[in-house]
Amino acid sequence: MIHHIVVVVVHFLSFFVSFYCLTGLNLEKILFKGQVAKAQVFLLLSSIALGYLVAQFFLTISHLN
């Protein structure tokens, strides 16, 4: 039971940290002007993907996965 709670907490923490870090990027230089909704979706999906990868890395390293 504790194992599942730790896995969920690690995934949420890594998602929030990756979201915080990705918000520091200047996406206006990469995307077209006026595409705010697409930029927000891109930021959300990128932070989910990066958060998942970071969480899997740390869980594999710690042998909890």
PDB file of N, CA and C in Angstrom:
ATOM      1  N   MET A   1       0.822  -1.198   0.000  1.00  0.00           N
ATOM      2  CA  MET A   1       0.000   0.000   0.000  1.00  0.00           C
ATOM      3  C   MET A   1       0.863   1.258   0.000  1.00  0.00           C
ATOM      4  N   ILE A   2       1.881   1.274   0.835  1.00  0.00           N
ATOM      5  CA  ILE A   2       2.785   2.425   0.896  1.00  0.00           C
ATOM      6  C   ILE A   2       3.491   2.613  -0.440  1.00  0.00           C
ATOM      7  N   HIS A   3       3.821   1.496  -1.089  1.00  0.00           N
ATOM      8  CA  HIS A   3       4.503   1.554  -2.386  1.00  0.00           C
ATOM      9  C   HIS A   3       3.682   2.353  -3.399  1.00  0.00           C
ATOM     10  N   HIS A   4       2.387   2.132  -3.446  1.00  0.00           N
ATOM     11  CA  HIS A   4       1.525   2.815  -4.403  1.00  0.00           C
ATOM     12  C   HIS A   4       1.415   4.304  -4.087  1.00  0.00           C
ATOM     13  N   ILE A   5       1.358   4.627  -2.816  1.00  0.00           N
ATOM     14  CA  ILE A   5       1.290   6.035  -2.414  1.00  0.00           C
ATOM     15  C   ILE A   5       2.577   6.750  -2.796  1.00  0.00           C
ATOM     16  N   VAL A   6       3.719   6.112  -2.570  1.00  0.00           N
ATOM     17  CA  VAL A   6       5.006   6.722  -2.920  1.00  0.00           C
ATOM     18  C   VAL A   6       5.094   6.943  -4.426  1.00  0.00           C
ATOM     19  N   VAL A   7       4.637   5.984  -5.212  1.00  0.00           N
ATOM     20  CA  VAL A   7       4.686   6.105  -6.671  1.00  0.00           C
ATOM     21  C   VAL A   7       3.826   7.282  -7.141  1.00  0.00           C
ATOM     22  N   VAL A   8       2.634   7.418  -6.598  1.00  0.00           N
ATOM     23  CA  VAL A   8       1.749   8.516  -6.988  1.00  0.00           C
ATOM     24  C   VAL A   8       2.346   9.860  -6.577  1.00  0.00           C
ATOM     25  N   VAL A   9       2.895   9.940  -5.372  1.00  0.00           N
ATOM     26  CA  VAL A   9       3.484  11.191  -4.898  1.00  0.00           C
ATOM     27  C   VAL A   9       4.686  11.582  -5.755  1.00  0.00           C
ATOM     28  N   VAL A  10       5.518  10.623  -6.099  1.00  0.00           N
ATOM     29  CA  VAL A  10       6.689  10.917  -6.932  1.00  0.00           C
ATOM     30  C   VAL A  10       6.250  11.391  -8.316  1.00  0.00           C
ATOM     31  N   HIS A  11       5.228  10.776  -8.885  1.00  0.00           N
ATOM     32  CA  HIS A  11       4.746  11.213 -10.194  1.00  0.00           C
ATOM     33  C   HIS A  11       4.189  12.636 -10.135  1.00  0.00           C
ATOM     34  N   PHE A  12       3.405  12.948  -9.115  1.00  0.00           N
ATOM     35  CA  PHE A  12       2.857  14.298  -9.001  1.00  0.00           C
ATOM     36  C   PHE A  12       3.957  15.331  -8.771  1.00  0.00           C
ATOM     37  N   LEU A  13       4.908  15.016  -7.915  1.00  0.00           N
ATOM     38  CA  LEU A  13       5.998  15.957  -7.668  1.00  0.00           C
ATOM     39  C   LEU A  13       6.818  16.210  -8.921  1.00  0.00           C
ATOM     40  N   SER A  14       7.122  15.166  -9.650  1.00  0.00           N
ATOM     41  CA  SER A  14       7.908  15.350 -10.862  1.00  0.00           C
ATOM     42  C   SER A  14       7.112  16.108 -11.925  1.00  0.00           C
ATOM     43  N   PHE A  15       5.800  15.910 -11.976  1.00  0.00           N
ATOM     44  CA  PHE A  15       4.977  16.673 -12.910  1.00  0.00           C
ATOM     45  C   PHE A  15       5.000  18.157 -12.565  1.00  0.00           C
ATOM     46  N   PHE A  16       4.821  18.489 -11.284  1.00  0.00           N
ATOM     47  CA  PHE A  16       4.800  19.891 -10.902  1.00  0.00           C
ATOM     48  C   PHE A  16       6.159  20.559 -11.079  1.00  0.00           C
ATOM     49  N   VAL A  17       7.228  19.843 -10.799  1.00  0.00           N
ATOM     50  CA  VAL A  17       8.568  20.411 -10.994  1.00  0.00           C
ATOM     51  C   VAL A  17       8.828  20.628 -12.479  1.00  0.00           C
ATOM     52  N   SER A  18       8.462  19.675 -13.315  1.00  0.00           N
ATOM     53  CA  SER A  18       8.681  19.847 -14.751  1.00  0.00           C
ATOM     54  C   SER A  18       7.799  20.964 -15.315  1.00  0.00           C
ATOM     55  N   PHE A  19       6.572  21.094 -14.818  1.00  0.00           N
ATOM     56  CA  PHE A  19       5.706  22.190 -15.251  1.00  0.00           C
ATOM     57  C   PHE A  19       6.302  23.530 -14.854  1.00  0.00           C
ATOM     58  N   TYR A  20       6.821  23.609 -13.634  1.00  0.00           N
ATOM     59  CA  TYR A  20       7.445  24.843 -13.159  1.00  0.00           C
ATOM     60  C   TYR A  20       8.664  25.204 -14.018  1.00  0.00           C
ATOM     61  N   CYS A  21       9.460  24.216 -14.347  1.00  0.00           N
ATOM     62  CA  CYS A  21      10.652  24.476 -15.158  1.00  0.00           C
ATOM     63  C   CYS A  21      10.305  24.840 -16.594  1.00  0.00           C
ATOM     64  N   LEU A  22       9.306  24.186 -17.161  1.00  0.00           N
ATOM     65  CA  LEU A  22       8.941  24.478 -18.542  1.00  0.00           C
ATOM     66  C   LEU A  22       8.241  25.825 -18.703  1.00  0.00           C
ATOM     67  N   THR A  23       7.644  26.339 -17.640  1.00  0.00           N
ATOM     68  CA  THR A  23       7.017  27.653 -17.750  1.00  0.00           C
ATOM     69  C   THR A  23       8.056  28.755 -17.881  1.00  0.00           C
ATOM     70  N   GLY A  24       9.286  28.462 -17.552  1.00  0.00           N
ATOM     71  CA  GLY A  24      10.355  29.438 -17.717  1.00  0.00           C
ATOM     72  C   GLY A  24      10.833  29.578 -19.148  1.00  0.00           C
ATOM     73  N   LEU A  25      10.405  28.670 -20.028  1.00  0.00           N
ATOM     74  CA  LEU A  25      10.799  28.756 -21.432  1.00  0.00           C
ATOM     75  C   LEU A  25      10.019  29.855 -22.136  1.00  0.00           C
ATOM     76  N   ASN A  26      10.661  30.485 -23.085  1.00  0.00           N
ATOM     77  CA  ASN A  26      10.002  31.512 -23.883  1.00  0.00           C
ATOM     78  C   ASN A  26       9.422  30.858 -25.130  1.00  0.00           C
ATOM     79  N   LEU A  27       8.167  30.444 -25.051  1.00  0.00           N
ATOM     80  CA  LEU A  27       7.536  29.717 -26.142  1.00  0.00           C
ATOM     81  C   LEU A  27       7.120  30.620 -27.298  1.00  0.00           C
ATOM     82  N   GLU A  28       7.111  31.938 -27.088  1.00  0.00           N
ATOM     83  CA  GLU A  28       6.726  32.849 -28.164  1.00  0.00           C
ATOM     84  C   GLU A  28       7.722  32.812 -29.317  1.00  0.00           C
ATOM     85  N   LYS A  29       8.980  32.505 -29.010  1.00  0.00           N
ATOM     86  CA  LYS A  29       9.990  32.439 -30.063  1.00  0.00           C
ATOM     87  C   LYS A  29       9.865  31.158 -30.883  1.00  0.00           C
ATOM     88  N   ILE A  30       9.279  30.118 -30.298  1.00  0.00           N
ATOM     89  CA  ILE A  30       9.173  28.826 -30.966  1.00  0.00           C
ATOM     90  C   ILE A  30       7.869  28.716 -31.753  1.00  0.00           C
ATOM     91  N   LEU A  31       6.764  29.139 -31.169  1.00  0.00           N
ATOM     92  CA  LEU A  31       5.446  28.973 -31.785  1.00  0.00           C
ATOM     93  C   LEU A  31       5.013  30.252 -32.503  1.00  0.00           C
ATOM     94  N   PHE A  32       4.004  30.113 -33.346  1.00  0.00           N
ATOM     95  CA  PHE A  32       3.477  31.255 -34.074  1.00  0.00           C
ATOM     96  C   PHE A  32       2.700  32.175 -33.135  1.00  0.00           C
ATOM     97  N   LYS A  33       2.621  33.442 -33.518  1.00  0.00           N
ATOM     98  CA  LYS A  33       1.878  34.402 -32.702  1.00  0.00           C
ATOM     99  C   LYS A  33       0.384  34.109 -32.793  1.00  0.00           C
ATOM    100  N   GLY A  34      -0.322  34.317 -31.700  1.00  0.00           N
ATOM    101  CA  GLY A  34      -1.756  34.096 -31.661  1.00  0.00           C
ATOM    102  C   GLY A  34      -2.157  32.652 -31.400  1.00  0.00           C
ATOM    103  N   GLN A  35      -1.218  31.816 -31.089  1.00  0.00           N
ATOM    104  CA  GLN A  35      -1.505  30.401 -30.843  1.00  0.00           C
ATOM    105  C   GLN A  35      -1.386  30.099 -29.342  1.00  0.00           C
ATOM    106  N   VAL A  36      -2.064  30.866 -28.528  1.00  0.00           N
ATOM    107  CA  VAL A  36      -1.939  30.755 -27.081  1.00  0.00           C
ATOM    108  C   VAL A  36      -2.482  29.419 -26.581  1.00  0.00           C
ATOM    109  N   ALA A  37      -3.619  29.006 -27.084  1.00  0.00           N
ATOM    110  CA  ALA A  37      -4.225  27.748 -26.630  1.00  0.00           C
ATOM    111  C   ALA A  37      -3.336  26.559 -26.986  1.00  0.00           C
ATOM    112  N   LYS A  38      -2.775  26.575 -28.179  1.00  0.00           N
ATOM    113  CA  LYS A  38      -1.892  25.492 -28.589  1.00  0.00           C
ATOM    114  C   LYS A  38      -0.615  25.482 -27.755  1.00  0.00           C
ATOM    115  N   ALA A  39      -0.123  26.661 -27.407  1.00  0.00           N
ATOM    116  CA  ALA A  39       1.073  26.739 -26.568  1.00  0.00           C
ATOM    117  C   ALA A  39       0.797  26.193 -25.178  1.00  0.00           C
ATOM    118  N   GLN A  40      -0.388  26.457 -24.641  1.00  0.00           N
ATOM    119  CA  GLN A  40      -0.739  25.953 -23.320  1.00  0.00           C
ATOM    120  C   GLN A  40      -0.903  24.437 -23.332  1.00  0.00           C
ATOM    121  N   VAL A  41      -1.508  23.905 -24.382  1.00  0.00           N
ATOM    122  CA  VAL A  41      -1.646  22.447 -24.498  1.00  0.00           C
ATOM    123  C   VAL A  41      -0.280  21.801 -24.654  1.00  0.00           C
ATOM    124  N   PHE A  42       0.581  22.411 -25.462  1.00  0.00           N
ATOM    125  CA  PHE A  42       1.943  21.911 -25.636  1.00  0.00           C
ATOM    126  C   PHE A  42       2.699  21.905 -24.310  1.00  0.00           C
ATOM    127  N   LEU A  43       2.564  22.972 -23.535  1.00  0.00           N
ATOM    128  CA  LEU A  43       3.217  23.060 -22.239  1.00  0.00           C
ATOM    129  C   LEU A  43       2.700  21.983 -21.289  1.00  0.00           C
ATOM    130  N   LEU A  44       1.406  21.766 -21.272  1.00  0.00           N
ATOM    131  CA  LEU A  44       0.818  20.760 -20.396  1.00  0.00           C
ATOM    132  C   LEU A  44       1.262  19.348 -20.774  1.00  0.00           C
ATOM    133  N   LEU A  45       1.184  19.022 -22.066  1.00  0.00           N
ATOM    134  CA  LEU A  45       1.571  17.683 -22.505  1.00  0.00           C
ATOM    135  C   LEU A  45       3.068  17.444 -22.342  1.00  0.00           C
ATOM    136  N   SER A  46       3.865  18.467 -22.588  1.00  0.00           N
ATOM    137  CA  SER A  46       5.312  18.328 -22.408  1.00  0.00           C
ATOM    138  C   SER A  46       5.668  18.119 -20.940  1.00  0.00           C
ATOM    139  N   SER A  47       5.003  18.827 -20.066  1.00  0.00           N
ATOM    140  CA  SER A  47       5.290  18.659 -18.647  1.00  0.00           C
ATOM    141  C   SER A  47       4.814  17.303 -18.132  1.00  0.00           C
ATOM    142  N   ILE A  48       3.724  16.780 -18.665  1.00  0.00           N
ATOM    143  CA  ILE A  48       3.270  15.439 -18.288  1.00  0.00           C
ATOM    144  C   ILE A  48       4.284  14.398 -18.745  1.00  0.00           C
ATOM    145  N   ALA A  49       4.734  14.523 -19.998  1.00  0.00           N
ATOM    146  CA  ALA A  49       5.695  13.557 -20.530  1.00  0.00           C
ATOM    147  C   ALA A  49       7.025  13.629 -19.789  1.00  0.00           C
ATOM    148  N   LEU A  50       7.520  14.833 -19.565  1.00  0.00           N
ATOM    149  CA  LEU A  50       8.783  14.981 -18.847  1.00  0.00           C
ATOM    150  C   LEU A  50       8.651  14.529 -17.403  1.00  0.00           C
ATOM    151  N   GLY A  51       7.537  14.847 -16.761  1.00  0.00           N
ATOM    152  CA  GLY A  51       7.305  14.406 -15.387  1.00  0.00           C
ATOM    153  C   GLY A  51       7.254  12.904 -15.265  1.00  0.00           C
ATOM    154  N   TYR A  52       6.614  12.246 -16.233  1.00  0.00           N
ATOM    155  CA  TYR A  52       6.554  10.788 -16.224  1.00  0.00           C
ATOM    156  C   TYR A  52       7.950  10.183 -16.368  1.00  0.00           C
ATOM    157  N   LEU A  53       8.728  10.716 -17.301  1.00  0.00           N
ATOM    158  CA  LEU A  53      10.084  10.190 -17.512  1.00  0.00           C
ATOM    159  C   LEU A  53      10.967  10.392 -16.287  1.00  0.00           C
ATOM    160  N   VAL A  54      10.873  11.546 -15.669  1.00  0.00           N
ATOM    161  CA  VAL A  54      11.676  11.818 -14.466  1.00  0.00           C
ATOM    162  C   VAL A  54      11.243  10.907 -13.327  1.00  0.00           C
ATOM    163  N   ALA A  55       9.941  10.734 -13.148  1.00  0.00           N
ATOM    164  CA  ALA A  55       9.453   9.865 -12.079  1.00  0.00           C
ATOM    165  C   ALA A  55       9.893   8.424 -12.302  1.00  0.00           C
ATOM    166  N   GLN A  56       9.776   7.938 -13.532  1.00  0.00           N
ATOM    167  CA  GLN A  56      10.210   6.573 -13.821  1.00  0.00           C
ATOM    168  C   GLN A  56      11.703   6.406 -13.575  1.00  0.00           C
ATOM    169  N   PHE A  57      12.480   7.415 -13.914  1.00  0.00           N
ATOM    170  CA  PHE A  57      13.919   7.355 -13.676  1.00  0.00           C
ATOM    171  C   PHE A  57      14.215   7.209 -12.187  1.00  0.00           C
ATOM    172  N   PHE A  58      13.614   8.067 -11.372  1.00  0.00           N
ATOM    173  CA  PHE A  58      13.899   8.014  -9.941  1.00  0.00           C
ATOM    174  C   PHE A  58      13.334   6.757  -9.279  1.00  0.00           C
ATOM    175  N   LEU A  59      12.185   6.295  -9.729  1.00  0.00           N
ATOM    176  CA  LEU A  59      11.632   5.074  -9.155  1.00  0.00           C
ATOM    177  C   LEU A  59      12.454   3.855  -9.538  1.00  0.00           C
ATOM    178  N   THR A  60      12.977   3.854 -10.740  1.00  0.00           N
ATOM    179  CA  THR A  60      13.827   2.735 -11.164  1.00  0.00           C
ATOM    180  C   THR A  60      15.145   2.756 -10.413  1.00  0.00           C
ATOM    181  N   ILE A  61      15.696   3.940 -10.232  1.00  0.00           N
ATOM    182  CA  ILE A  61      16.949   4.071  -9.492  1.00  0.00           C
ATOM    183  C   ILE A  61      16.769   3.601  -8.049  1.00  0.00           C
ATOM    184  N   SER A  62      15.646   3.933  -7.442  1.00  0.00           N
ATOM    185  CA  SER A  62      15.424   3.583  -6.037  1.00  0.00           C
ATOM    186  C   SER A  62      14.822   2.188  -5.856  1.00  0.00           C
ATOM    187  N   HIS A  63      14.588   1.463  -6.926  1.00  0.00           N
ATOM    188  CA  HIS A  63      14.052   0.097  -6.889  1.00  0.00           C
ATOM    189  C   HIS A  63      12.648   0.022  -6.298  1.00  0.00           C
ATOM    190  N   LEU A  64      11.899   1.088  -6.407  1.00  0.00           N
ATOM    191  CA  LEU A  64      10.517   1.067  -5.926  1.00  0.00           C
ATOM    192  C   LEU A  64       9.546   0.674  -7.022  1.00  0.00           C
ATOM    193  N   ASN A  65       9.981   0.690  -8.236  1.00  0.00           N
ATOM    194  CA  ASN A  65       9.071   0.411  -9.345  1.00  0.00           C
ATOM    195  C   ASN A  65       9.009  -1.073  -9.640  1.00  0.00           C
TER     196      ASN A  65
END
